[in-house]
Structure formats: C-alpha cells, structure tokens
C-alpha cells in the first residue's frame, strides 16, 4: 500500500512525524533558484526523482528553475508568493546563507522561511581549461599575485556569493587584496563553466559535481579541491589547497527550505520526508554517483546550523571587507 493511500484512509499508519501532508492540489514542486546545470538544479532533480521512487511524494515532483540575484529571486518568491504553501520546497546551500548574512536579500532574513534539512555535501574546486598554462594552484597564485587584473574568475553565485568568496579567501591567503579579484557572476554553475570553456574567463570557481562531465571529457583541469583532505573518485589525484600552501576549506552543503507560514505539523512532515530520503539506499547510491559526501541534518538541528552559519558568514564578510 502506498503512503498516499495510507493517508487517504485516515492516516491509519503514521509513517512520519505528523499526519498532515503537504498540499497535493498541484503536486509537489522543487524550485532551484538558478538556471539548469548547477548544484541547486542537480539537488532538486535528484531529490525529485527519488521522492517519486520512494513514494514520499503524492505523485511526480516538478522541478522549476527560478534564477536571479544569487538565489534572491527564489527566496523572495518563497516569502512573498508562497507563504503557507506546503507543496513546494527550495534548494539551498551556503550560497543562500552567505547572501542572507550580507543582507543581499533586502529586508528578508533567515527567519522568513523554514529550514527542513541538508542531505549531502561537497567541496569547492578551482578549475582552468585543459590548455591553460598552470598545472598547480601555486603556479596560478604566483601569476595572480604578479598581475591580479589578468585573472578573471567565473562562478554560479552572485558577486560576494560563495563562489566569489572562495577565491577571495584564496587571494587573501596568497597575499592578494581580496577585493581586487575580478569575478563574473552567472545564474548557475553550468553557465559559469561554459564561460570558462569558451575562453571568456580564466578560472572557474564551483563544486566538484559541476565539472565531472567536462573533467571526464578532458576539457578542464582541476587545480585544487577546497577540502580538509583529499577526496575519493575522479578528484583523488587533485591536491587540496592546504597541500599547496593555502589554508582554505569550503564545504558546500546541499539542503532545502520551505515557505514560512506553514503549520508545525506540515513542517514536521517535511522534516520526516528529508530524513527518510537521506536514509534510503536510493539516495545513498545517487549521492555516491554524484560524488557528494554524506551529511544528514534535519529539523531543529538544521535550523540551528543555518542560523549559526549566517552569523559566522557575517563575521567573515566583515573581516574580508565586504561589510562594514
């Protein structure tokens, strides 16, 4: 018997924390606040597919892309247009919390939505074209320090967002003024990577999952992974930034929030969905295939994690000169 049928028969079997299910009039929708091809889009599409397979959703889960303002358009949509809606959830990452910490979403704050769970993580990468003159991060940073204006970086987050912040931290570690970094923002890692392949920028700042296809095709070279230690899989041969002498680590969690204004019962249901999704064999297999790392945070624990990260990013942004 499907979970949907169990609910229809009066919630005889309570499989989640609450007996109130998200609205089903139009099915469920996962909104990726960026164009296709990036991490937010990937998280939505994998999650939607597995939710359907596990019958966690009342039917097909529609994925919508809503690019703009480094996730700000999607966040504002959640707050102003979908408050109280229980049939929609939004992809998020440190790019979201960083923009909130910097006040880049206007008057909107971390408390305007409900944070339901993080289900995986990955590390930042610094990538050049395969025909680039640099074969190590150290070689690039030496060149960069000599002529900061000669290096142009693309990323799938807005200016001062997470892909920008990664290279600003690397610049600071190399003795380069962080605010001198020339950064070109795109609405998603896919577009930013295309700019690198087309020769419009020098370096791509993103995540490992965003570059795997191009890495396998031999089109790009990964100079460093921003992990505390070397990762497994296709990037196992790539040194960490720390190995290259630059003490920079960037962990990108993959998680979701839902609109504010929903009941606690509806929120608890979504938390239960996230927990069941993350614990499933199907999710673990998909996570490994996408080279994502294990991470399981949900409910109050995830909400506390997000609030703490916003505070930490605010302090970091002040240290680096982005906030006064």
Protein backbone atom coordinates (compact mmCIF):
# COMPACT_ATOMS: atom_id res chain seq x y z
CA UNK A 1 0.00 0.00 0.00
CA UNK A 2 1.45 3.40 -0.95
CA UNK A 3 1.98 6.17 1.59
CA UNK A 4 -0.55 8.28 -0.26
CA UNK A 5 -3.19 5.56 0.16
CA UNK A 6 -2.39 5.25 3.84
CA UNK A 7 -3.02 8.97 4.24
CA UNK A 8 -6.24 8.68 2.26
CA UNK A 9 -7.53 6.01 4.64
CA UNK A 10 -7.31 8.28 7.64
CA UNK A 11 -3.62 8.05 8.48
CA UNK A 12 -4.05 4.59 9.98
CA UNK A 13 -0.30 4.14 9.79
CA UNK A 14 1.66 7.20 10.82
CA UNK A 15 4.93 6.91 8.93
CA UNK A 16 6.16 10.42 9.56
CA UNK A 17 6.21 12.92 12.38
CA UNK A 18 2.79 14.35 11.56
CA UNK A 19 -0.46 13.30 9.95
CA UNK A 20 -0.70 16.49 7.92
CA UNK A 21 0.68 16.07 4.42
CA UNK A 22 1.88 18.91 2.18
CA UNK A 23 -0.78 20.20 -0.22
CA UNK A 24 -1.36 17.94 -3.18
CA UNK A 25 -3.65 20.01 -5.41
CA UNK A 26 -0.87 20.62 -7.93
CA UNK A 27 1.56 18.01 -6.70
CA UNK A 28 4.93 18.92 -5.27
CA UNK A 29 7.41 21.36 -6.76
CA UNK A 30 11.13 21.77 -6.12
CA UNK A 31 12.42 25.22 -7.06
CA UNK A 32 16.10 25.60 -7.95
CA UNK A 33 16.88 29.34 -7.69
CA UNK A 34 19.31 29.23 -10.63
CA UNK A 35 19.49 28.11 -14.24
CA UNK A 36 19.90 24.40 -15.12
CA UNK A 37 23.32 22.82 -14.78
CA UNK A 38 24.41 23.93 -11.33
CA UNK A 39 24.35 22.45 -7.85
CA UNK A 40 20.93 23.76 -6.85
CA UNK A 41 19.41 22.34 -10.02
CA UNK A 42 21.16 19.00 -9.53
CA UNK A 43 19.95 18.73 -5.94
CA UNK A 44 16.35 19.37 -6.96
CA UNK A 45 16.37 16.89 -9.83
CA UNK A 46 17.97 14.03 -7.91
CA UNK A 47 15.72 14.61 -4.91
CA UNK A 48 12.56 14.81 -7.03
CA UNK A 49 13.35 11.54 -8.77
CA UNK A 50 13.99 9.65 -5.55
CA UNK A 51 10.97 11.11 -3.76
CA UNK A 52 8.81 9.77 -6.55
CA UNK A 53 10.52 6.36 -6.49
CA UNK A 54 10.10 6.02 -2.72
CA UNK A 55 6.51 7.31 -2.90
CA UNK A 56 7.37 10.06 -0.44
CA UNK A 57 5.53 12.48 -2.73
CA UNK A 58 1.87 12.28 -3.80
CA UNK A 59 2.96 11.93 -7.42
CA UNK A 60 5.51 13.43 -9.81
CA UNK A 61 7.66 16.22 -8.36
CA UNK A 62 8.02 19.13 -10.76
CA UNK A 63 11.37 20.93 -10.91
CA UNK A 64 11.32 24.65 -11.73
CA UNK A 65 14.28 26.97 -12.30
CA UNK A 66 13.99 30.48 -10.92
CA UNK A 67 17.33 32.25 -11.48
CA UNK A 68 18.25 35.71 -10.31
CA UNK A 69 20.11 37.67 -7.63
CA UNK A 70 22.19 34.72 -6.46
CA UNK A 71 19.13 32.88 -5.19
CA UNK A 72 17.39 36.05 -4.07
CA UNK A 73 14.56 35.82 -6.61
CA UNK A 74 13.70 32.32 -5.41
CA UNK A 75 13.96 33.30 -1.75
CA UNK A 76 11.72 36.33 -2.24
CA UNK A 77 9.24 34.15 -4.13
CA UNK A 78 9.11 31.76 -1.18
CA UNK A 79 8.43 34.60 1.24
CA UNK A 80 6.09 36.84 -0.75
CA UNK A 81 4.26 34.43 -3.06
CA UNK A 82 4.28 31.03 -1.39
CA UNK A 83 3.88 31.74 2.33
CA UNK A 84 1.83 28.98 3.90
CA UNK A 85 2.14 26.72 0.85
CA UNK A 86 3.07 23.18 1.80
CA UNK A 87 3.54 21.68 -1.67
CA UNK A 88 6.78 23.47 -2.58
CA UNK A 89 10.38 23.28 -1.39
CA UNK A 90 13.50 25.17 -2.43
CA UNK A 91 17.10 24.11 -2.98
CA UNK A 92 19.70 25.86 -0.80
CA UNK A 93 23.39 25.84 0.07
CA UNK A 94 25.97 28.11 1.76
CA UNK A 95 25.38 30.50 -1.16
CA UNK A 96 21.98 31.13 0.42
CA UNK A 97 23.22 31.69 3.96
CA UNK A 98 26.11 33.86 2.78
CA UNK A 99 23.78 36.20 0.89
CA UNK A 100 21.49 36.38 3.92
CA UNK A 101 24.48 37.18 6.13
CA UNK A 102 25.43 40.06 3.85
CA UNK A 103 21.91 41.46 3.70
CA UNK A 104 21.77 40.84 -0.06
CA UNK A 105 18.14 39.71 0.05
CA UNK A 106 16.91 43.14 1.16
CA UNK A 107 14.83 43.07 4.31
CA UNK A 108 14.40 39.27 4.16
CA UNK A 109 16.10 37.20 6.84
CA UNK A 110 16.91 33.62 7.75
CA UNK A 111 13.74 33.51 9.87
CA UNK A 112 11.39 34.17 6.93
CA UNK A 113 11.44 30.52 5.78
CA UNK A 114 11.64 27.12 7.47
CA UNK A 115 14.82 25.09 7.02
CA UNK A 116 13.94 21.41 6.70
CA UNK A 117 17.17 19.52 6.03
CA UNK A 118 20.58 19.03 4.43
CA UNK A 119 21.15 15.70 2.73
CA UNK A 120 24.67 15.86 1.24
CA UNK A 121 27.79 17.99 0.94
CA UNK A 122 30.66 18.61 -1.43
CA UNK A 123 33.77 20.74 -1.61
CA UNK A 124 34.72 23.73 -3.67
CA UNK A 125 37.09 23.37 -6.62
CA UNK A 126 39.22 25.74 -8.66
CA UNK A 127 39.28 24.83 -12.34
CA UNK A 128 41.03 26.00 -15.52
CA UNK A 129 40.81 24.86 -19.13
CA UNK A 130 42.93 21.87 -20.01
CA UNK A 131 45.14 24.00 -22.24
CA UNK A 132 45.86 26.58 -19.52
CA UNK A 133 49.46 27.35 -18.63
CA UNK A 134 49.01 26.49 -14.94
CA UNK A 135 49.22 22.94 -13.69
CA UNK A 136 49.14 23.65 -9.95
CA UNK A 137 47.32 26.08 -7.69
CA UNK A 138 50.64 27.53 -6.59
CA UNK A 139 51.57 28.38 -10.19
CA UNK A 140 48.24 30.16 -10.68
CA UNK A 141 48.52 32.12 -7.44
CA UNK A 142 52.07 33.27 -8.23
CA UNK A 143 50.84 34.53 -11.62
CA UNK A 144 47.80 36.08 -9.97
CA UNK A 145 49.85 37.91 -7.33
CA UNK A 146 52.05 39.45 -10.02
CA UNK A 147 49.10 40.71 -12.05
CA UNK A 148 45.71 40.44 -10.26
CA UNK A 149 43.89 42.10 -13.17
CA UNK A 150 44.99 39.35 -15.58
CA UNK A 151 42.87 36.65 -13.91
CA UNK A 152 39.09 36.63 -14.38
CA UNK A 153 37.01 34.16 -12.38
CA UNK A 154 33.52 32.85 -13.15
CA UNK A 155 31.12 31.28 -10.70
CA UNK A 156 27.50 30.27 -10.37
CA UNK A 157 26.81 32.57 -7.42
CA UNK A 158 26.29 36.33 -7.33
CA UNK A 159 29.06 38.80 -6.58
CA UNK A 160 30.14 38.34 -2.94
CA UNK A 161 28.41 34.92 -3.02
CA UNK A 162 30.03 31.61 -2.19
CA UNK A 163 31.92 31.03 -5.46
CA UNK A 164 33.28 34.57 -5.21
CA UNK A 165 34.08 34.16 -1.52
CA UNK A 166 36.15 31.03 -2.17
CA UNK A 167 38.54 32.85 -4.47
CA UNK A 168 38.62 35.91 -2.22
CA UNK A 169 39.77 33.69 0.63
CA UNK A 170 42.40 32.10 -1.62
CA UNK A 171 43.54 35.56 -2.70
CA UNK A 172 43.87 36.66 0.91
CA UNK A 173 45.90 33.52 1.69
CA UNK A 174 48.22 34.40 -1.22
CA UNK A 175 48.70 37.99 -0.10
CA UNK A 176 46.40 39.43 -2.78
CA UNK A 177 43.86 42.11 -1.85
CA UNK A 178 40.58 40.10 -1.86
CA UNK A 179 38.52 42.95 -3.29
CA UNK A 180 40.82 43.14 -6.32
CA UNK A 181 39.58 39.76 -7.57
CA UNK A 182 37.85 40.10 -10.95
CA UNK A 183 34.74 37.95 -10.62
CA UNK A 184 31.96 37.44 -13.18
CA UNK A 185 28.73 36.02 -11.69
CA UNK A 186 26.37 33.68 -13.54
CA UNK A 187 22.99 32.21 -12.62
CA UNK A 188 24.27 28.71 -12.05
CA UNK A 189 27.48 26.72 -12.35
CA UNK A 190 26.56 25.43 -15.80
CA UNK A 191 26.68 28.90 -17.35
CA UNK A 192 29.84 29.79 -15.43
CA UNK A 193 31.59 26.66 -16.67
CA UNK A 194 30.51 27.41 -20.24
CA UNK A 195 32.18 30.81 -19.92
CA UNK A 196 35.43 29.08 -18.95
CA UNK A 197 35.24 26.60 -21.83
CA UNK A 198 34.55 29.45 -24.24
CA UNK A 199 37.65 31.31 -23.12
CA UNK A 200 35.75 34.29 -21.70
CA UNK A 201 37.21 33.83 -18.20
CA UNK A 202 40.42 32.39 -16.80
CA UNK A 203 39.26 30.32 -13.83
CA UNK A 204 36.04 28.62 -12.75
CA UNK A 205 35.10 28.54 -9.07
CA UNK A 206 32.50 25.92 -8.27
CA UNK A 207 31.88 22.44 -6.87
CA UNK A 208 33.11 19.01 -7.88
CA UNK A 209 29.72 17.78 -9.09
CA UNK A 210 29.52 20.65 -11.58
CA UNK A 211 32.68 19.76 -13.51
CA UNK A 212 32.70 15.96 -13.65
CA UNK A 213 31.43 15.62 -17.22
CA UNK A 214 33.95 18.14 -18.55
CA UNK A 215 36.71 16.55 -16.49
CA UNK A 216 35.96 13.12 -17.94
CA UNK A 217 35.93 14.64 -21.45
CA UNK A 218 39.39 16.10 -20.82
CA UNK A 219 38.26 19.70 -21.26
CA UNK A 220 39.24 21.03 -17.85
CA UNK A 221 41.98 20.73 -15.25
CA UNK A 222 41.23 20.91 -11.53
CA UNK A 223 43.99 22.76 -9.70
CA UNK A 224 42.75 22.26 -6.15
CA UNK A 225 39.92 20.90 -4.04
CA UNK A 226 38.95 23.04 -1.04
CA UNK A 227 38.62 20.05 1.28
CA UNK A 228 40.40 19.30 4.56
CA UNK A 229 41.90 16.19 2.94
CA UNK A 230 41.91 14.54 -0.47
CA UNK A 231 38.61 13.23 -1.75
CA UNK A 232 37.86 9.95 -3.45
CA UNK A 233 36.83 9.26 -7.02
CA UNK A 234 37.82 11.25 -10.13
CA UNK A 235 39.37 14.01 -8.00
CA UNK A 236 41.52 11.69 -5.90
CA UNK A 237 44.65 12.82 -7.76
CA UNK A 238 43.96 16.52 -7.14
CA UNK A 239 45.73 18.10 -4.14
CA UNK A 240 43.87 20.18 -1.60
CA UNK A 241 44.50 23.90 -1.33
CA UNK A 242 46.13 23.17 2.02
CA UNK A 243 48.63 20.85 0.35
CA UNK A 244 49.51 23.70 -1.98
CA UNK A 245 50.14 26.01 0.99
CA UNK A 246 46.79 27.86 1.09
CA UNK A 247 44.75 27.09 4.19
CA UNK A 248 41.27 27.42 2.67
CA UNK A 249 38.43 24.90 3.09
CA UNK A 250 34.93 25.35 1.68
CA UNK A 251 32.18 22.84 2.39
CA UNK A 252 29.03 23.20 0.28
CA UNK A 253 26.06 21.52 1.91
CA UNK A 254 23.03 20.64 -0.21
CA UNK A 255 19.73 21.19 1.52
CA UNK A 256 16.24 22.63 1.35
CA UNK A 257 13.85 25.11 2.89
CA UNK A 258 10.08 25.55 2.66
CA UNK A 259 8.00 28.73 2.90
CA UNK A 260 7.21 30.26 6.25
CA UNK A 261 3.65 30.40 7.47
CA UNK A 262 3.11 26.64 7.41
CA UNK A 263 1.87 24.73 10.44
CA UNK A 264 4.25 22.87 12.74
CA UNK A 265 2.59 19.63 11.64
CA UNK A 266 3.36 20.39 7.99
CA UNK A 267 6.93 21.38 8.91
CA UNK A 268 7.41 18.14 10.85
CA UNK A 269 6.15 16.19 7.85
CA UNK A 270 8.74 17.79 5.58
CA UNK A 271 11.46 17.04 8.13
CA UNK A 272 10.34 13.42 8.15
CA UNK A 273 10.48 13.33 4.35
CA UNK A 274 14.05 14.67 4.38
CA UNK A 275 15.14 12.11 6.96
CA UNK A 276 13.58 9.20 5.09
CA UNK A 277 15.04 10.41 1.80
CA UNK A 278 18.58 10.76 3.17
CA UNK A 279 18.48 7.36 4.88
CA UNK A 280 17.30 5.48 1.79
CA UNK A 281 19.54 3.21 -0.25
CA UNK A 282 18.41 5.01 -3.39
CA UNK A 283 19.64 8.35 -2.07
CA UNK A 284 22.95 6.92 -0.89
CA UNK A 285 23.54 5.42 -4.35
CA UNK A 286 22.62 8.67 -6.11
CA UNK A 287 24.81 10.65 -3.72
CA UNK A 288 27.81 8.45 -4.43
CA UNK A 289 27.19 8.62 -8.18
CA UNK A 290 27.17 12.42 -7.97
CA UNK A 291 30.36 12.38 -5.85
CA UNK A 292 28.56 14.03 -2.94
CA UNK A 293 29.66 13.47 0.64
CA UNK A 294 27.40 12.19 3.44
CA UNK A 295 25.60 14.81 5.52
CA UNK A 296 22.38 14.44 7.47
CA UNK A 297 20.87 17.44 9.27
CA UNK A 298 17.15 17.95 9.70
CA UNK A 299 14.60 19.85 11.72
CA UNK A 300 15.68 21.96 14.69
CA UNK A 301 19.29 20.79 14.33
CA UNK A 302 19.42 22.07 10.75
CA UNK A 303 17.70 25.34 11.67
CA UNK A 304 20.32 25.96 14.39
CA UNK A 305 23.10 25.06 11.93
CA UNK A 306 21.79 27.58 9.38
CA UNK A 307 21.44 30.38 11.95
CA UNK A 308 24.98 29.78 13.21
CA UNK A 309 26.36 29.79 9.66
CA UNK A 310 24.68 33.11 8.90
CA UNK A 311 26.36 34.62 11.97
CA UNK A 312 29.75 33.14 11.00
CA UNK A 313 29.46 34.39 7.42
CA UNK A 314 28.57 37.87 8.63
CA UNK A 315 31.76 37.96 10.69
CA UNK A 316 33.84 36.58 7.80
CA UNK A 317 32.36 39.13 5.38
CA UNK A 318 33.39 41.92 7.76
CA UNK A 319 36.91 40.52 8.07
CA UNK A 320 37.34 40.39 4.31
CA UNK A 321 35.99 43.89 3.78
CA UNK A 322 32.61 43.13 2.24
CA UNK A 323 30.66 44.54 5.21
CA UNK A 324 31.38 47.49 7.43
